[in-house]
Amino acid sequence: MSGSLGRAAAALLRWGRGGGLWSPGVRTAGSGAGGGGGSGSTEHLDALVKKDKVVVFLKGTPEQPQCGFSNAVVQILRLHGVRDYAAYNVLDDPDLRQGIKDYSNWPTIPQVYLNGEFVGGCDILLQMHQNGDLVEELKKLGVRSALLGEDKDQDSK
């Protein structure tokens, strides 16, 4: 099972940027969304990361990621059936792009926040996906991973 799941995940991540992959539950916002102060201010970023259960800062948008790492994060979330999350395009605003790096003390984009807490970037999310931690973290948020349904189907065979 884990081998086929890994191959499916790898294929999905390689699949790329097809526009048909976007889900209507994903909320994208420009840098001006919510919070006080400038787009890179601590107050503004604090408001953004706490506004939704799942928040992603990426290059591009979920429907059109502009780098492979941002695409991988979007694909991992899709694989788990996470459709309801906020996504902020850092390419729209240099202040937001630098501000989120300073806020998290993490030098790269994309960045993922769960329940207001910084999780990490693409590498961390991929590792969490591979070792099953992402399913558990989503469960804590009240989000049932779509992979749980597949596991039950596989176990019954």
C-alpha atoms as a PDB file:
ATOM      1  CA  MET A   1       0.000   0.000   0.000  1.00  0.00           C
ATOM      2  CA  SER A   2       2.616   2.570   0.993  1.00  0.00           C
ATOM      3  CA  GLY A   3       4.580   1.916  -2.203  1.00  0.00           C
ATOM      4  CA  SER A   4       1.562   2.525  -4.410  1.00  0.00           C
ATOM      5  CA  LEU A   5       0.613   5.597  -2.377  1.00  0.00           C
ATOM      6  CA  GLY A   6       4.144   6.952  -2.746  1.00  0.00           C
ATOM      7  CA  ARG A   7       4.077   6.365  -6.500  1.00  0.00           C
ATOM      8  CA  ALA A   8       0.668   8.030  -6.745  1.00  0.00           C
ATOM      9  CA  ALA A   9       1.895  11.021  -4.760  1.00  0.00           C
ATOM     10  CA  ALA A  10       5.032  11.300  -6.892  1.00  0.00           C
ATOM     11  CA  ALA A  11       2.968  11.120 -10.081  1.00  0.00           C
ATOM     12  CA  LEU A  12       0.581  13.751  -8.772  1.00  0.00           C
ATOM     13  CA  LEU A  13       3.450  16.050  -7.839  1.00  0.00           C
ATOM     14  CA  ARG A  14       5.040  15.587 -11.283  1.00  0.00           C
ATOM     15  CA  TRP A  15       1.728  16.160 -13.021  1.00  0.00           C
ATOM     16  CA  GLY A  16       2.146  19.874 -12.836  1.00  0.00           C
ATOM     17  CA  ARG A  17       0.109  22.966 -13.076  1.00  0.00           C
ATOM     18  CA  GLY A  18      -3.074  22.014 -14.846  1.00  0.00           C
ATOM     19  CA  GLY A  19      -5.619  24.772 -14.373  1.00  0.00           C
ATOM     20  CA  GLY A  20      -8.372  22.198 -13.908  1.00  0.00           C
ATOM     21  CA  LEU A  21      -6.890  21.223 -10.563  1.00  0.00           C
ATOM     22  CA  TRP A  22      -8.085  24.313  -8.732  1.00  0.00           C
ATOM     23  CA  SER A  23     -10.846  23.898  -6.196  1.00  0.00           C
ATOM     24  CA  PRO A  24     -13.463  26.546  -5.452  1.00  0.00           C
ATOM     25  CA  GLY A  25     -12.946  26.170  -1.671  1.00  0.00           C
ATOM     26  CA  VAL A  26      -9.485  27.693  -1.894  1.00  0.00           C
ATOM     27  CA  ARG A  27      -9.506  31.368  -1.046  1.00  0.00           C
ATOM     28  CA  THR A  28      -6.819  33.420  -2.677  1.00  0.00           C
ATOM     29  CA  ALA A  29      -6.110  36.932  -1.603  1.00  0.00           C
ATOM     30  CA  GLY A  30      -3.829  39.724  -2.565  1.00  0.00           C
ATOM     31  CA  SER A  31      -1.494  41.306  -0.086  1.00  0.00           C
ATOM     32  CA  GLY A  32      -4.117  43.786   1.065  1.00  0.00           C
ATOM     33  CA  ALA A  33      -6.330  41.186   2.763  1.00  0.00           C
ATOM     34  CA  GLY A  34      -7.053  41.580   6.464  1.00  0.00           C
ATOM     35  CA  GLY A  35      -5.017  42.848   9.397  1.00  0.00           C
ATOM     36  CA  GLY A  36      -3.617  46.236  10.243  1.00  0.00           C
ATOM     37  CA  GLY A  37      -0.342  47.843   9.246  1.00  0.00           C
ATOM     38  CA  GLY A  38       1.597  47.180   6.071  1.00  0.00           C
ATOM     39  CA  SER A  39       1.431  43.879   4.220  1.00  0.00           C
ATOM     40  CA  GLY A  40       4.737  42.778   5.746  1.00  0.00           C
ATOM     41  CA  SER A  41       4.006  43.935   9.289  1.00  0.00           C
ATOM     42  CA  THR A  42       3.890  41.485  12.156  1.00  0.00           C
ATOM     43  CA  GLU A  43       0.328  42.540  12.999  1.00  0.00           C
ATOM     44  CA  HIS A  44      -0.888  41.972   9.454  1.00  0.00           C
ATOM     45  CA  LEU A  45       0.846  38.597   9.119  1.00  0.00           C
ATOM     46  CA  ASP A  46      -0.372  37.489  12.536  1.00  0.00           C
ATOM     47  CA  ALA A  47      -3.934  38.217  11.412  1.00  0.00           C
ATOM     48  CA  LEU A  48      -3.468  36.328   8.123  1.00  0.00           C
ATOM     49  CA  VAL A  49      -2.024  33.142   9.621  1.00  0.00           C
ATOM     50  CA  LYS A  50      -4.701  32.991  12.325  1.00  0.00           C
ATOM     51  CA  LYS A  51      -7.660  33.807  10.073  1.00  0.00           C
ATOM     52  CA  ASP A  52      -8.013  30.286   8.612  1.00  0.00           C
ATOM     53  CA  LYS A  53      -7.213  26.742   9.765  1.00  0.00           C
ATOM     54  CA  VAL A  54      -4.873  26.197   6.810  1.00  0.00           C
ATOM     55  CA  VAL A  55      -2.885  29.076   5.323  1.00  0.00           C
ATOM     56  CA  VAL A  56      -0.288  28.878   2.574  1.00  0.00           C
ATOM     57  CA  PHE A  57       2.051  31.589   1.327  1.00  0.00           C
ATOM     58  CA  LEU A  58       3.206  30.600  -2.137  1.00  0.00           C
ATOM     59  CA  LYS A  59       4.620  31.831  -5.394  1.00  0.00           C
ATOM     60  CA  GLY A  60       1.627  32.105  -7.658  1.00  0.00           C
ATOM     61  CA  THR A  61      -1.830  30.824  -6.864  1.00  0.00           C
ATOM     62  CA  PRO A  62      -3.181  27.335  -6.179  1.00  0.00           C
ATOM     63  CA  GLU A  63      -4.659  27.261  -9.673  1.00  0.00           C
ATOM     64  CA  GLN A  64      -1.403  28.476 -11.201  1.00  0.00           C
ATOM     65  CA  PRO A  65       1.649  27.927  -8.982  1.00  0.00           C
ATOM     66  CA  GLN A  66       4.746  29.724 -10.227  1.00  0.00           C
ATOM     67  CA  CYS A  67       7.371  27.336  -8.819  1.00  0.00           C
ATOM     68  CA  GLY A  68       7.691  23.597  -8.369  1.00  0.00           C
ATOM     69  CA  PHE A  69       7.786  23.798  -4.576  1.00  0.00           C
ATOM     70  CA  SER A  70       4.580  25.831  -4.419  1.00  0.00           C
ATOM     71  CA  ASN A  71       3.000  23.377  -6.844  1.00  0.00           C
ATOM     72  CA  ALA A  72       4.076  20.441  -4.654  1.00  0.00           C
ATOM     73  CA  VAL A  73       2.429  21.994  -1.576  1.00  0.00           C
ATOM     74  CA  VAL A  74      -0.808  22.575  -3.496  1.00  0.00           C
ATOM     75  CA  GLN A  75      -0.733  18.984  -4.792  1.00  0.00           C
ATOM     76  CA  ILE A  76      -0.122  17.514  -1.326  1.00  0.00           C
ATOM     77  CA  LEU A  77      -3.070  19.456   0.065  1.00  0.00           C
ATOM     78  CA  ARG A  78      -5.223  18.252  -2.853  1.00  0.00           C
ATOM     79  CA  LEU A  79      -4.108  14.669  -2.325  1.00  0.00           C
ATOM     80  CA  HIS A  80      -5.374  14.896   1.250  1.00  0.00           C
ATOM     81  CA  GLY A  81      -8.602  16.519   0.085  1.00  0.00           C
ATOM     82  CA  VAL A  82      -7.877  19.851   1.767  1.00  0.00           C
ATOM     83  CA  ARG A  83     -10.050  22.216  -0.242  1.00  0.00           C
ATOM     84  CA  ASP A  84     -10.756  24.964   2.254  1.00  0.00           C
ATOM     85  CA  TYR A  85      -7.640  27.042   2.832  1.00  0.00           C
ATOM     86  CA  ALA A  86      -6.326  30.547   2.352  1.00  0.00           C
ATOM     87  CA  ALA A  87      -3.522  31.116  -0.148  1.00  0.00           C
ATOM     88  CA  TYR A  88      -1.465  34.292  -0.476  1.00  0.00           C
ATOM     89  CA  ASN A  89       0.655  34.986  -3.540  1.00  0.00           C
ATOM     90  CA  VAL A  90       3.939  36.530  -2.376  1.00  0.00           C
ATOM     91  CA  LEU A  91       4.834  37.474  -5.950  1.00  0.00           C
ATOM     92  CA  ASP A  92       2.136  40.164  -5.794  1.00  0.00           C
ATOM     93  CA  ASP A  93       3.850  42.045  -2.986  1.00  0.00           C
ATOM     94  CA  PRO A  94       7.581  42.246  -2.135  1.00  0.00           C
ATOM     95  CA  ASP A  95       6.734  43.446   1.404  1.00  0.00           C
ATOM     96  CA  LEU A  96       4.576  40.376   2.010  1.00  0.00           C
ATOM     97  CA  ARG A  97       7.270  38.121   0.535  1.00  0.00           C
ATOM     98  CA  GLN A  98      10.000  39.443   2.844  1.00  0.00           C
ATOM     99  CA  GLY A  99       7.650  39.966   5.768  1.00  0.00           C
ATOM    100  CA  ILE A 100       6.523  36.335   5.928  1.00  0.00           C
ATOM    101  CA  LYS A 101      10.147  35.176   5.852  1.00  0.00           C
ATOM    102  CA  ASP A 102      10.947  37.470   8.786  1.00  0.00           C
ATOM    103  CA  TYR A 103       7.743  36.510  10.621  1.00  0.00           C
ATOM    104  CA  SER A 104       8.478  32.776  10.488  1.00  0.00           C
ATOM    105  CA  ASN A 105      12.264  33.047  10.524  1.00  0.00           C
ATOM    106  CA  TRP A 106      12.143  30.677   7.523  1.00  0.00           C
ATOM    107  CA  PRO A 107      14.062  31.778   4.418  1.00  0.00           C
ATOM    108  CA  THR A 108      12.001  30.168   1.663  1.00  0.00           C
ATOM    109  CA  ILE A 109       8.563  30.160   0.089  1.00  0.00           C
ATOM    110  CA  PRO A 110       6.138  28.331   0.183  1.00  0.00           C
ATOM    111  CA  GLN A 111       5.222  28.416   3.855  1.00  0.00           C
ATOM    112  CA  VAL A 112       2.400  26.463   5.463  1.00  0.00           C
ATOM    113  CA  TYR A 113       0.528  27.348   8.653  1.00  0.00           C
ATOM    114  CA  LEU A 114      -1.915  25.047  10.424  1.00  0.00           C
ATOM    115  CA  ASN A 115      -4.163  26.592  13.058  1.00  0.00           C
ATOM    116  CA  GLY A 116      -1.963  29.679  13.233  1.00  0.00           C
ATOM    117  CA  GLU A 117       1.220  27.668  13.781  1.00  0.00           C
ATOM    118  CA  PHE A 118       4.088  27.612  11.295  1.00  0.00           C
ATOM    119  CA  VAL A 119       4.626  24.092   9.950  1.00  0.00           C
ATOM    120  CA  GLY A 120       7.369  24.650   7.380  1.00  0.00           C
ATOM    121  CA  GLY A 121       7.887  24.647   3.671  1.00  0.00           C
ATOM    122  CA  CYS A 122       7.516  22.113   0.891  1.00  0.00           C
ATOM    123  CA  ASP A 123      10.153  19.743   2.269  1.00  0.00           C
ATOM    124  CA  ILE A 124       8.531  19.587   5.709  1.00  0.00           C
ATOM    125  CA  LEU A 125       5.010  19.158   4.314  1.00  0.00           C
ATOM    126  CA  LEU A 126       6.215  16.383   1.998  1.00  0.00           C
ATOM    127  CA  GLN A 127       7.934  14.629   4.901  1.00  0.00           C
ATOM    128  CA  MET A 128       4.776  14.943   7.010  1.00  0.00           C
ATOM    129  CA  HIS A 129       2.756  13.514   4.134  1.00  0.00           C
ATOM    130  CA  GLN A 130       5.128  10.591   3.697  1.00  0.00           C
ATOM    131  CA  ASN A 131       5.309   9.630   7.371  1.00  0.00           C
ATOM    132  CA  GLY A 132       1.595  10.107   8.111  1.00  0.00           C
ATOM    133  CA  ASP A 133       1.985  13.123  10.396  1.00  0.00           C
ATOM    134  CA  LEU A 134      -0.021  15.346   8.048  1.00  0.00           C
ATOM    135  CA  VAL A 135      -3.084  13.102   8.435  1.00  0.00           C
ATOM    136  CA  GLU A 136      -2.807  13.490  12.217  1.00  0.00           C
ATOM    137  CA  GLU A 137      -2.296  17.261  12.090  1.00  0.00           C
ATOM    138  CA  LEU A 138      -5.288  17.663   9.791  1.00  0.00           C
ATOM    139  CA  LYS A 139      -7.356  15.523  12.161  1.00  0.00           C
ATOM    140  CA  LYS A 140      -6.514  17.971  14.988  1.00  0.00           C
ATOM    141  CA  LEU A 141      -8.012  20.731  12.823  1.00  0.00           C
ATOM    142  CA  GLY A 142     -11.178  18.745  12.229  1.00  0.00           C
ATOM    143  CA  VAL A 143     -10.156  17.965   8.651  1.00  0.00           C
ATOM    144  CA  ARG A 144     -10.397  14.346   7.580  1.00  0.00           C
ATOM    145  CA  SER A 145      -7.702  13.449   5.074  1.00  0.00           C
ATOM    146  CA  ALA A 146      -9.021  11.955   1.855  1.00  0.00           C
ATOM    147  CA  LEU A 147      -6.289   9.332   2.194  1.00  0.00           C
ATOM    148  CA  LEU A 148      -8.049   7.799   5.201  1.00  0.00           C
ATOM    149  CA  GLY A 149     -10.903   6.666   2.971  1.00  0.00           C
ATOM    150  CA  GLU A 150      -8.434   5.057   0.575  1.00  0.00           C
ATOM    151  CA  ASP A 151      -6.664   3.250   3.420  1.00  0.00           C
ATOM    152  CA  LYS A 152      -9.962   1.699   4.587  1.00  0.00           C
ATOM    153  CA  ASP A 153     -10.704   0.559   1.045  1.00  0.00           C
ATOM    154  CA  GLN A 154      -7.256  -0.994   0.731  1.00  0.00           C
ATOM    155  CA  ASP A 155      -7.485  -2.717   4.133  1.00  0.00           C
ATOM    156  CA  SER A 156     -10.792  -4.363   3.232  1.00  0.00           C
ATOM    157  CA  LYS A 157      -9.321  -5.996   0.122  1.00  0.00           C
END
